[in-house]
Amino acid sequence: ALRARDYDSAAAFFREAVRAAPDRAAI
């Protein structure tokens, strides 16, 4: 989504990734 500049979708996916791995600073 980032490569496609679809930032709303990218942010939603990153939030989902945070929920899956809450201790990953890189995410």
PDB file of all heavy atoms in Angstrom:
ATOM      1  N   ALA A   1       0.827  -1.209   0.000  1.00  0.00           N
ATOM      2  CA  ALA A   1       0.000   0.000   0.000  1.00  0.00           C
ATOM      3  C   ALA A   1       0.859   1.257   0.000  1.00  0.00           C
ATOM      4  O   ALA A   1       0.522   2.249  -0.659  1.00  0.00           O
ATOM      5  CB  ALA A   1      -0.936  -0.009   1.209  1.00  0.00           C
ATOM      6  N   LEU A   2       1.980   1.213   0.725  1.00  0.00           N
ATOM      7  CA  LEU A   2       2.896   2.365   0.710  1.00  0.00           C
ATOM      8  C   LEU A   2       3.446   2.608  -0.685  1.00  0.00           C
ATOM      9  O   LEU A   2       3.521   3.765  -1.141  1.00  0.00           O
ATOM     10  CB  LEU A   2       4.055   2.127   1.683  1.00  0.00           C
ATOM     11  CG  LEU A   2       3.839   2.443   3.149  1.00  0.00           C
ATOM     12  CD1 LEU A   2       5.126   2.186   3.930  1.00  0.00           C
ATOM     13  CD2 LEU A   2       3.402   3.901   3.347  1.00  0.00           C
ATOM     14  N   ARG A   3       3.863   1.541  -1.343  1.00  0.00           N
ATOM     15  CA  ARG A   3       4.399   1.706  -2.701  1.00  0.00           C
ATOM     16  C   ARG A   3       3.351   2.289  -3.645  1.00  0.00           C
ATOM     17  O   ARG A   3       3.678   3.040  -4.564  1.00  0.00           O
ATOM     18  CB  ARG A   3       4.906   0.356  -3.225  1.00  0.00           C
ATOM     19  CG  ARG A   3       6.189  -0.111  -2.552  1.00  0.00           C
ATOM     20  CD  ARG A   3       6.783  -1.307  -3.290  1.00  0.00           C
ATOM     21  NE  ARG A   3       5.945  -2.498  -3.181  1.00  0.00           N
ATOM     22  CZ  ARG A   3       6.017  -3.395  -2.203  1.00  0.00           C
ATOM     23  NH1 ARG A   3       6.899  -3.229  -1.223  1.00  0.00           N
ATOM     24  NH2 ARG A   3       5.225  -4.453  -2.191  1.00  0.00           N
ATOM     25  N   ALA A   4       2.097   1.957  -3.398  1.00  0.00           N
ATOM     26  CA  ALA A   4       1.009   2.497  -4.224  1.00  0.00           C
ATOM     27  C   ALA A   4       0.540   3.866  -3.738  1.00  0.00           C
ATOM     28  O   ALA A   4      -0.396   4.430  -4.307  1.00  0.00           O
ATOM     29  CB  ALA A   4      -0.164   1.515  -4.222  1.00  0.00           C
ATOM     30  N   ARG A   5       1.179   4.369  -2.684  1.00  0.00           N
ATOM     31  CA  ARG A   5       0.829   5.666  -2.068  1.00  0.00           C
ATOM     32  C   ARG A   5      -0.617   5.678  -1.548  1.00  0.00           C
ATOM     33  O   ARG A   5      -1.259   6.728  -1.501  1.00  0.00           O
ATOM     34  CB  ARG A   5       1.059   6.814  -3.050  1.00  0.00           C
ATOM     35  CG  ARG A   5       2.517   6.951  -3.455  1.00  0.00           C
ATOM     36  CD  ARG A   5       2.773   8.188  -4.273  1.00  0.00           C
ATOM     37  NE  ARG A   5       4.182   8.292  -4.635  1.00  0.00           N
ATOM     38  CZ  ARG A   5       4.725   9.302  -5.302  1.00  0.00           C
ATOM     39  NH1 ARG A   5       3.934  10.309  -5.708  1.00  0.00           N
ATOM     40  NH2 ARG A   5       6.009   9.321  -5.580  1.00  0.00           N
ATOM     41  N   ASP A   6      -1.089   4.526  -1.180  1.00  0.00           N
ATOM     42  CA  ASP A   6      -2.400   4.412  -0.540  1.00  0.00           C
ATOM     43  C   ASP A   6      -2.167   4.437   0.972  1.00  0.00           C
ATOM     44  O   ASP A   6      -2.143   3.399   1.649  1.00  0.00           O
ATOM     45  CB  ASP A   6      -3.081   3.106  -0.967  1.00  0.00           C
ATOM     46  CG  ASP A   6      -4.484   2.954  -0.372  1.00  0.00           C
ATOM     47  OD1 ASP A   6      -4.914   3.855   0.394  1.00  0.00           O
ATOM     48  OD2 ASP A   6      -5.134   1.928  -0.642  1.00  0.00           O
ATOM     49  N   TYR A   7      -1.990   5.640   1.498  1.00  0.00           N
ATOM     50  CA  TYR A   7      -1.523   5.773   2.882  1.00  0.00           C
ATOM     51  C   TYR A   7      -2.592   5.382   3.896  1.00  0.00           C
ATOM     52  O   TYR A   7      -2.265   4.863   4.967  1.00  0.00           O
ATOM     53  CB  TYR A   7      -1.043   7.204   3.128  1.00  0.00           C
ATOM     54  CG  TYR A   7       0.100   7.597   2.221  1.00  0.00           C
ATOM     55  CD1 TYR A   7       0.045   8.762   1.451  1.00  0.00           C
ATOM     56  CD2 TYR A   7       1.227   6.791   2.120  1.00  0.00           C
ATOM     57  CE1 TYR A   7       1.091   9.108   0.608  1.00  0.00           C
ATOM     58  CE2 TYR A   7       2.280   7.130   1.276  1.00  0.00           C
ATOM     59  CZ  TYR A   7       2.209   8.290   0.518  1.00  0.00           C
ATOM     60  OH  TYR A   7       3.243   8.618  -0.317  1.00  0.00           O
ATOM     61  N   ASP A   8      -3.850   5.624   3.574  1.00  0.00           N
ATOM     62  CA  ASP A   8      -4.912   5.206   4.498  1.00  0.00           C
ATOM     63  C   ASP A   8      -4.888   3.692   4.706  1.00  0.00           C
ATOM     64  O   ASP A   8      -4.968   3.200   5.842  1.00  0.00           O
ATOM     65  CB  ASP A   8      -6.279   5.636   3.981  1.00  0.00           C
ATOM     66  CG  ASP A   8      -6.496   7.135   4.090  1.00  0.00           C
ATOM     67  OD1 ASP A   8      -5.849   7.757   4.949  1.00  0.00           O
ATOM     68  OD2 ASP A   8      -7.310   7.683   3.327  1.00  0.00           O
ATOM     69  N   SER A   9      -4.781   2.941   3.602  1.00  0.00           N
ATOM     70  CA  SER A   9      -4.730   1.484   3.714  1.00  0.00           C
ATOM     71  C   SER A   9      -3.451   1.040   4.403  1.00  0.00           C
ATOM     72  O   SER A   9      -3.466   0.117   5.236  1.00  0.00           O
ATOM     73  CB  SER A   9      -4.825   0.842   2.327  1.00  0.00           C
ATOM     74  OG  SER A   9      -6.075   1.130   1.731  1.00  0.00           O
ATOM     75  N   ALA A  10      -2.330   1.691   4.067  1.00  0.00           N
ATOM     76  CA  ALA A  10      -1.058   1.326   4.704  1.00  0.00           C
ATOM     77  C   ALA A  10      -1.140   1.505   6.209  1.00  0.00           C
ATOM     78  O   ALA A  10      -0.707   0.635   6.978  1.00  0.00           O
ATOM     79  CB  ALA A  10       0.070   2.173   4.132  1.00  0.00           C
ATOM     80  N   ALA A  11      -1.709   2.629   6.643  1.00  0.00           N
ATOM     81  CA  ALA A  11      -1.834   2.878   8.084  1.00  0.00           C
ATOM     82  C   ALA A  11      -2.713   1.821   8.744  1.00  0.00           C
ATOM     83  O   ALA A  11      -2.402   1.329   9.844  1.00  0.00           O
ATOM     84  CB  ALA A  11      -2.404   4.270   8.321  1.00  0.00           C
ATOM     85  N   ALA A  12      -3.797   1.451   8.075  1.00  0.00           N
ATOM     86  CA  ALA A  12      -4.689   0.421   8.633  1.00  0.00           C
ATOM     87  C   ALA A  12      -3.952  -0.906   8.768  1.00  0.00           C
ATOM     88  O   ALA A  12      -4.088  -1.610   9.791  1.00  0.00           O
ATOM     89  CB  ALA A  12      -5.921   0.275   7.750  1.00  0.00           C
ATOM     90  N   PHE A  13      -3.163  -1.262   7.759  1.00  0.00           N
ATOM     91  CA  PHE A  13      -2.401  -2.518   7.838  1.00  0.00           C
ATOM     92  C   PHE A  13      -1.333  -2.450   8.934  1.00  0.00           C
ATOM     93  O   PHE A  13      -1.119  -3.427   9.661  1.00  0.00           O
ATOM     94  CB  PHE A  13      -1.756  -2.831   6.486  1.00  0.00           C
ATOM     95  CG  PHE A  13      -2.717  -3.336   5.443  1.00  0.00           C
ATOM     96  CD1 PHE A  13      -2.805  -2.722   4.204  1.00  0.00           C
ATOM     97  CD2 PHE A  13      -3.533  -4.429   5.711  1.00  0.00           C
ATOM     98  CE1 PHE A  13      -3.693  -3.182   3.235  1.00  0.00           C
ATOM     99  CE2 PHE A  13      -4.423  -4.904   4.752  1.00  0.00           C
ATOM    100  CZ  PHE A  13      -4.502  -4.279   3.513  1.00  0.00           C
ATOM    101  N   PHE A  14      -0.667  -1.318   9.048  1.00  0.00           N
ATOM    102  CA  PHE A  14       0.342  -1.186  10.103  1.00  0.00           C
ATOM    103  C   PHE A  14      -0.296  -1.272  11.493  1.00  0.00           C
ATOM    104  O   PHE A  14       0.272  -1.857  12.411  1.00  0.00           O
ATOM    105  CB  PHE A  14       1.111   0.131   9.960  1.00  0.00           C
ATOM    106  CG  PHE A  14       2.199   0.100   8.927  1.00  0.00           C
ATOM    107  CD1 PHE A  14       2.274   1.076   7.936  1.00  0.00           C
ATOM    108  CD2 PHE A  14       3.170  -0.896   8.951  1.00  0.00           C
ATOM    109  CE1 PHE A  14       3.287   1.051   6.987  1.00  0.00           C
ATOM    110  CE2 PHE A  14       4.181  -0.929   7.997  1.00  0.00           C
ATOM    111  CZ  PHE A  14       4.236   0.043   7.008  1.00  0.00           C
ATOM    112  N   ARG A  15      -1.479  -0.684  11.655  1.00  0.00           N
ATOM    113  CA  ARG A  15      -2.172  -0.795  12.952  1.00  0.00           C
ATOM    114  C   ARG A  15      -2.499  -2.257  13.263  1.00  0.00           C
ATOM    115  O   ARG A  15      -2.391  -2.706  14.412  1.00  0.00           O
ATOM    116  CB  ARG A  15      -3.442   0.062  12.959  1.00  0.00           C
ATOM    117  CG  ARG A  15      -3.165   1.559  13.025  1.00  0.00           C
ATOM    118  CD  ARG A  15      -4.434   2.328  13.353  1.00  0.00           C
ATOM    119  NE  ARG A  15      -5.433   2.228  12.305  1.00  0.00           N
ATOM    120  CZ  ARG A  15      -5.552   3.078  11.285  1.00  0.00           C
ATOM    121  NH1 ARG A  15      -4.707   4.099  11.179  1.00  0.00           N
ATOM    122  NH2 ARG A  15      -6.521   2.927  10.381  1.00  0.00           N
ATOM    123  N   GLU A  16      -2.887  -2.993  12.231  1.00  0.00           N
ATOM    124  CA  GLU A  16      -3.162  -4.418  12.425  1.00  0.00           C
ATOM    125  C   GLU A  16      -1.878  -5.154  12.805  1.00  0.00           C
ATOM    126  O   GLU A  16      -1.882  -6.047  13.663  1.00  0.00           O
ATOM    127  CB  GLU A  16      -3.769  -5.004  11.146  1.00  0.00           C
ATOM    128  CG  GLU A  16      -4.247  -6.441  11.304  1.00  0.00           C
ATOM    129  CD  GLU A  16      -4.935  -6.960  10.043  1.00  0.00           C
ATOM    130  OE1 GLU A  16      -5.298  -6.136   9.176  1.00  0.00           O
ATOM    131  OE2 GLU A  16      -5.083  -8.195   9.945  1.00  0.00           O
ATOM    132  N   ALA A  17      -0.768  -4.766  12.177  1.00  0.00           N
ATOM    133  CA  ALA A  17       0.522  -5.386  12.502  1.00  0.00           C
ATOM    134  C   ALA A  17       0.936  -5.069  13.935  1.00  0.00           C
ATOM    135  O   ALA A  17       1.518  -5.909  14.628  1.00  0.00           O
ATOM    136  CB  ALA A  17       1.589  -4.902  11.523  1.00  0.00           C
ATOM    137  N   VAL A  18       0.649  -3.855  14.394  1.00  0.00           N
ATOM    138  CA  VAL A  18       0.948  -3.487  15.783  1.00  0.00           C
ATOM    139  C   VAL A  18       0.175  -4.372  16.743  1.00  0.00           C
ATOM    140  O   VAL A  18       0.706  -4.831  17.772  1.00  0.00           O
ATOM    141  CB  VAL A  18       0.620  -1.994  16.024  1.00  0.00           C
ATOM    142  CG1 VAL A  18       0.550  -1.680  17.515  1.00  0.00           C
ATOM    143  CG2 VAL A  18       1.667  -1.104  15.357  1.00  0.00           C
ATOM    144  N   ARG A  19      -1.083  -4.646  16.425  1.00  0.00           N
ATOM    145  CA  ARG A  19      -1.870  -5.521  17.294  1.00  0.00           C
ATOM    146  C   ARG A  19      -1.299  -6.945  17.302  1.00  0.00           C
ATOM    147  O   ARG A  19      -1.336  -7.634  18.325  1.00  0.00           O
ATOM    148  CB  ARG A  19      -3.337  -5.532  16.848  1.00  0.00           C
ATOM    149  CG  ARG A  19      -4.063  -4.225  17.122  1.00  0.00           C
ATOM    150  CD  ARG A  19      -5.560  -4.361  16.905  1.00  0.00           C
ATOM    151  NE  ARG A  19      -5.912  -4.543  15.498  1.00  0.00           N
ATOM    152  CZ  ARG A  19      -6.136  -3.549  14.643  1.00  0.00           C
ATOM    153  NH1 ARG A  19      -6.049  -2.287  15.064  1.00  0.00           N
ATOM    154  NH2 ARG A  19      -6.468  -3.800  13.380  1.00  0.00           N
ATOM    155  N   ALA A  20      -0.757  -7.373  16.158  1.00  0.00           N
ATOM    156  CA  ALA A  20      -0.193  -8.724  16.074  1.00  0.00           C
ATOM    157  C   ALA A  20       1.162  -8.814  16.763  1.00  0.00           C
ATOM    158  O   ALA A  20       1.512  -9.857  17.324  1.00  0.00           O
ATOM    159  CB  ALA A  20      -0.059  -9.138  14.607  1.00  0.00           C
ATOM    160  N   ALA A  21       1.939  -7.732  16.711  1.00  0.00           N
ATOM    161  CA  ALA A  21       3.294  -7.731  17.298  1.00  0.00           C
ATOM    162  C   ALA A  21       3.510  -6.405  18.034  1.00  0.00           C
ATOM    163  O   ALA A  21       4.224  -5.520  17.551  1.00  0.00           O
ATOM    164  CB  ALA A  21       4.340  -7.938  16.210  1.00  0.00           C
ATOM    165  N   PRO A  22       2.892  -6.234  19.194  1.00  0.00           N
ATOM    166  CA  PRO A  22       2.919  -4.929  19.878  1.00  0.00           C
ATOM    167  C   PRO A  22       4.288  -4.491  20.387  1.00  0.00           C
ATOM    168  O   PRO A  22       4.466  -3.323  20.700  1.00  0.00           O
ATOM    169  CB  PRO A  22       1.941  -5.136  21.048  1.00  0.00           C
ATOM    170  CG  PRO A  22       1.888  -6.612  21.258  1.00  0.00           C
ATOM    171  CD  PRO A  22       2.083  -7.227  19.914  1.00  0.00           C
ATOM    172  N   ASP A  23       5.254  -5.416  20.460  1.00  0.00           N
ATOM    173  CA  ASP A  23       6.569  -5.060  21.007  1.00  0.00           C
ATOM    174  C   ASP A  23       7.612  -4.800  19.932  1.00  0.00           C
ATOM    175  O   ASP A  23       8.813  -4.760  20.223  1.00  0.00           O
ATOM    176  CB  ASP A  23       7.059  -6.189  21.940  1.00  0.00           C
ATOM    177  CG  ASP A  23       6.167  -6.341  23.159  1.00  0.00           C
ATOM    178  OD1 ASP A  23       5.602  -5.325  23.600  1.00  0.00           O
ATOM    179  OD2 ASP A  23       6.019  -7.479  23.657  1.00  0.00           O
ATOM    180  N   ARG A  24       7.184  -4.595  18.703  1.00  0.00           N
ATOM    181  CA  ARG A  24       8.129  -4.348  17.603  1.00  0.00           C
ATOM    182  C   ARG A  24       8.199  -2.847  17.330  1.00  0.00           C
ATOM    183  O   ARG A  24       7.281  -2.257  16.749  1.00  0.00           O
ATOM    184  CB  ARG A  24       7.676  -5.099  16.348  1.00  0.00           C
ATOM    185  CG  ARG A  24       7.637  -6.613  16.511  1.00  0.00           C
ATOM    186  CD  ARG A  24       8.766  -7.287  15.786  1.00  0.00           C
ATOM    187  NE  ARG A  24       8.613  -7.186  14.353  1.00  0.00           N
ATOM    188  CZ  ARG A  24       7.901  -8.035  13.610  1.00  0.00           C
ATOM    189  NH1 ARG A  24       7.229  -9.026  14.174  1.00  0.00           N
ATOM    190  NH2 ARG A  24       7.853  -7.879  12.304  1.00  0.00           N
ATOM    191  N   ALA A  25       9.303  -2.238  17.732  1.00  0.00           N
ATOM    192  CA  ALA A  25       9.459  -0.792  17.549  1.00  0.00           C
ATOM    193  C   ALA A  25       9.461  -0.414  16.075  1.00  0.00           C
ATOM    194  O   ALA A  25       8.981   0.660  15.698  1.00  0.00           O
ATOM    195  CB  ALA A  25      10.743  -0.320  18.220  1.00  0.00           C
ATOM    196  N   ALA A  26      10.002  -1.266  15.220  1.00  0.00           N
ATOM    197  CA  ALA A  26      10.103  -0.941  13.795  1.00  0.00           C
ATOM    198  C   ALA A  26       8.731  -0.730  13.173  1.00  0.00           C
ATOM    199  O   ALA A  26       8.547   0.146  12.317  1.00  0.00           O
ATOM    200  CB  ALA A  26      10.847  -2.049  13.060  1.00  0.00           C
ATOM    201  N   ILE A  27       7.750  -1.523  13.589  1.00  0.00           N
ATOM    202  CA  ILE A  27       6.397  -1.366  13.039  1.00  0.00           C
ATOM    203  C   ILE A  27       5.821  -0.024  13.484  1.00  0.00           C
ATOM    204  O   ILE A  27       5.185   0.684  12.696  1.00  0.00           O
ATOM    205  CB  ILE A  27       5.486  -2.525  13.490  1.00  0.00           C
ATOM    206  CG1 ILE A  27       6.052  -3.855  13.015  1.00  0.00           C
ATOM    207  CG2 ILE A  27       4.074  -2.333  12.950  1.00  0.00           C
ATOM    208  CD1 ILE A  27       5.270  -5.063  13.512  1.00  0.00           C
TER     209      ILE A  27
END
